[in-house]
């Protein structure tokens, strides 16, 4: 009787740019190939690799996106502060604080 092994794992699907075959790598293997920049192979033997610049470009894009989001949030905060001041002024008109 043959042994049966079961392992749950998240896999990342890839398509070989040379032959079109689909294959998968687990997260650890994918991270290792990304970090090393070395070549790996599809099941048909075609050489594939991540360029280290791709990771740098990806991080630069993420930084740019986060900066834009931060600027947008700063603008929203300023607008909300102005709105608070406007509402305080309006509230003072309708319900003045009596001086004792």
Protein backbone atom coordinates (compact mmCIF):
# COMPACT_ATOMS: atom_id res chain seq x y z
CA UNK A 1 0.00 0.00 0.00
CA UNK A 2 1.37 3.43 -0.97
CA UNK A 3 1.67 6.22 1.56
CA UNK A 4 -0.49 9.27 1.02
CA UNK A 5 0.83 12.72 1.93
CA UNK A 6 -1.45 15.71 2.24
CA UNK A 7 -0.14 19.24 2.68
CA UNK A 8 -2.14 22.44 2.40
CA UNK A 9 -0.12 25.19 0.80
CA UNK A 10 -0.75 28.47 -0.99
CA UNK A 11 0.78 28.32 -4.44
CA UNK A 12 1.57 31.07 -6.91
CA UNK A 13 0.67 30.23 -10.51
CA UNK A 14 3.01 31.16 -13.35
CA UNK A 15 2.86 30.91 -17.11
CA UNK A 16 6.10 30.29 -18.97
CA UNK A 17 6.73 33.13 -21.38
CA UNK A 18 8.41 30.72 -23.81
CA UNK A 19 6.06 27.75 -24.07
CA UNK A 20 2.91 28.89 -22.23
CA UNK A 21 2.79 26.02 -19.74
CA UNK A 22 1.32 26.83 -16.35
CA UNK A 23 3.11 25.78 -13.17
CA UNK A 24 3.15 26.80 -9.53
CA UNK A 25 5.61 27.65 -6.76
CA UNK A 26 4.98 27.96 -3.05
CA UNK A 27 5.52 31.34 -1.36
CA UNK A 28 8.93 30.43 0.07
CA UNK A 29 10.29 29.32 -3.31
CA UNK A 30 8.82 32.37 -5.04
CA UNK A 31 10.38 34.69 -2.42
CA UNK A 32 13.76 32.96 -2.80
CA UNK A 33 13.75 33.36 -6.59
CA UNK A 34 12.62 36.99 -6.35
CA UNK A 35 15.27 37.86 -3.75
CA UNK A 36 18.13 36.07 -5.49
CA UNK A 37 17.37 37.22 -9.03
CA UNK A 38 18.74 33.85 -10.20
CA UNK A 39 17.15 31.85 -12.99
CA UNK A 40 14.60 29.12 -12.36
CA UNK A 41 12.98 26.81 -14.88
CA UNK A 42 9.53 25.93 -16.09
CA UNK A 43 8.67 22.20 -16.22
CA UNK A 44 9.75 22.16 -19.88
CA UNK A 45 13.20 23.53 -18.99
CA UNK A 46 12.87 27.14 -20.12
CA UNK A 47 14.92 29.57 -18.06
CA UNK A 48 12.94 32.27 -16.24
CA UNK A 49 13.99 34.86 -13.69
CA UNK A 50 12.97 37.90 -11.75
CA UNK A 51 15.11 40.91 -12.32
CA UNK A 52 16.21 42.61 -9.13
CA UNK A 53 15.25 45.91 -10.74
CA UNK A 54 11.67 44.64 -10.84
CA UNK A 55 11.61 44.51 -7.05
CA UNK A 56 13.20 47.97 -6.82
CA UNK A 57 10.69 49.35 -9.34
CA UNK A 58 7.86 47.71 -7.46
CA UNK A 59 8.99 49.26 -4.18
CA UNK A 60 9.45 52.66 -5.82
CA UNK A 61 5.91 52.48 -7.20
CA UNK A 62 4.61 51.52 -3.76
CA UNK A 63 6.47 54.46 -2.16
CA UNK A 64 5.04 56.84 -4.77
CA UNK A 65 1.54 55.48 -4.21
CA UNK A 66 1.87 55.83 -0.44
CA UNK A 67 3.17 59.41 -0.78
CA UNK A 68 0.21 60.29 -3.00
CA UNK A 69 -2.18 58.70 -0.52
CA UNK A 70 -0.51 60.62 2.32
CA UNK A 71 -0.85 63.92 0.42
CA UNK A 72 -4.51 63.17 -0.24
CA UNK A 73 -5.10 62.40 3.43
CA UNK A 74 -3.29 65.59 4.47
CA UNK A 75 -5.58 67.57 2.15
CA UNK A 76 -8.63 65.84 3.61
CA UNK A 77 -7.48 66.62 7.16
CA UNK A 78 -7.04 70.32 6.27
CA UNK A 79 -10.48 70.42 4.65
CA UNK A 80 -12.06 68.77 7.68
CA UNK A 81 -10.35 71.21 10.07
CA UNK A 82 -11.75 74.12 8.04
CA UNK A 83 -15.19 72.53 8.11
CA UNK A 84 -14.96 72.11 11.91
CA UNK A 85 -14.06 75.79 12.29
CA UNK A 86 -16.95 76.79 10.00
CA UNK A 87 -19.38 74.67 11.99
CA UNK A 88 -18.09 76.07 15.28
CA UNK A 89 -18.70 79.59 13.98
CA UNK A 90 -22.18 78.65 12.83
CA UNK A 91 -22.93 77.03 16.17
CA UNK A 92 -21.78 80.20 17.96
CA UNK A 93 -24.26 82.22 15.86
CA UNK A 94 -27.19 79.95 16.75
CA UNK A 95 -26.16 79.09 20.30
CA UNK A 96 -23.86 81.76 21.66
CA UNK A 97 -21.88 80.95 24.76
CA UNK A 98 -23.13 83.30 27.45
CA UNK A 99 -20.52 85.29 29.27
CA UNK A 100 -20.84 84.99 33.05
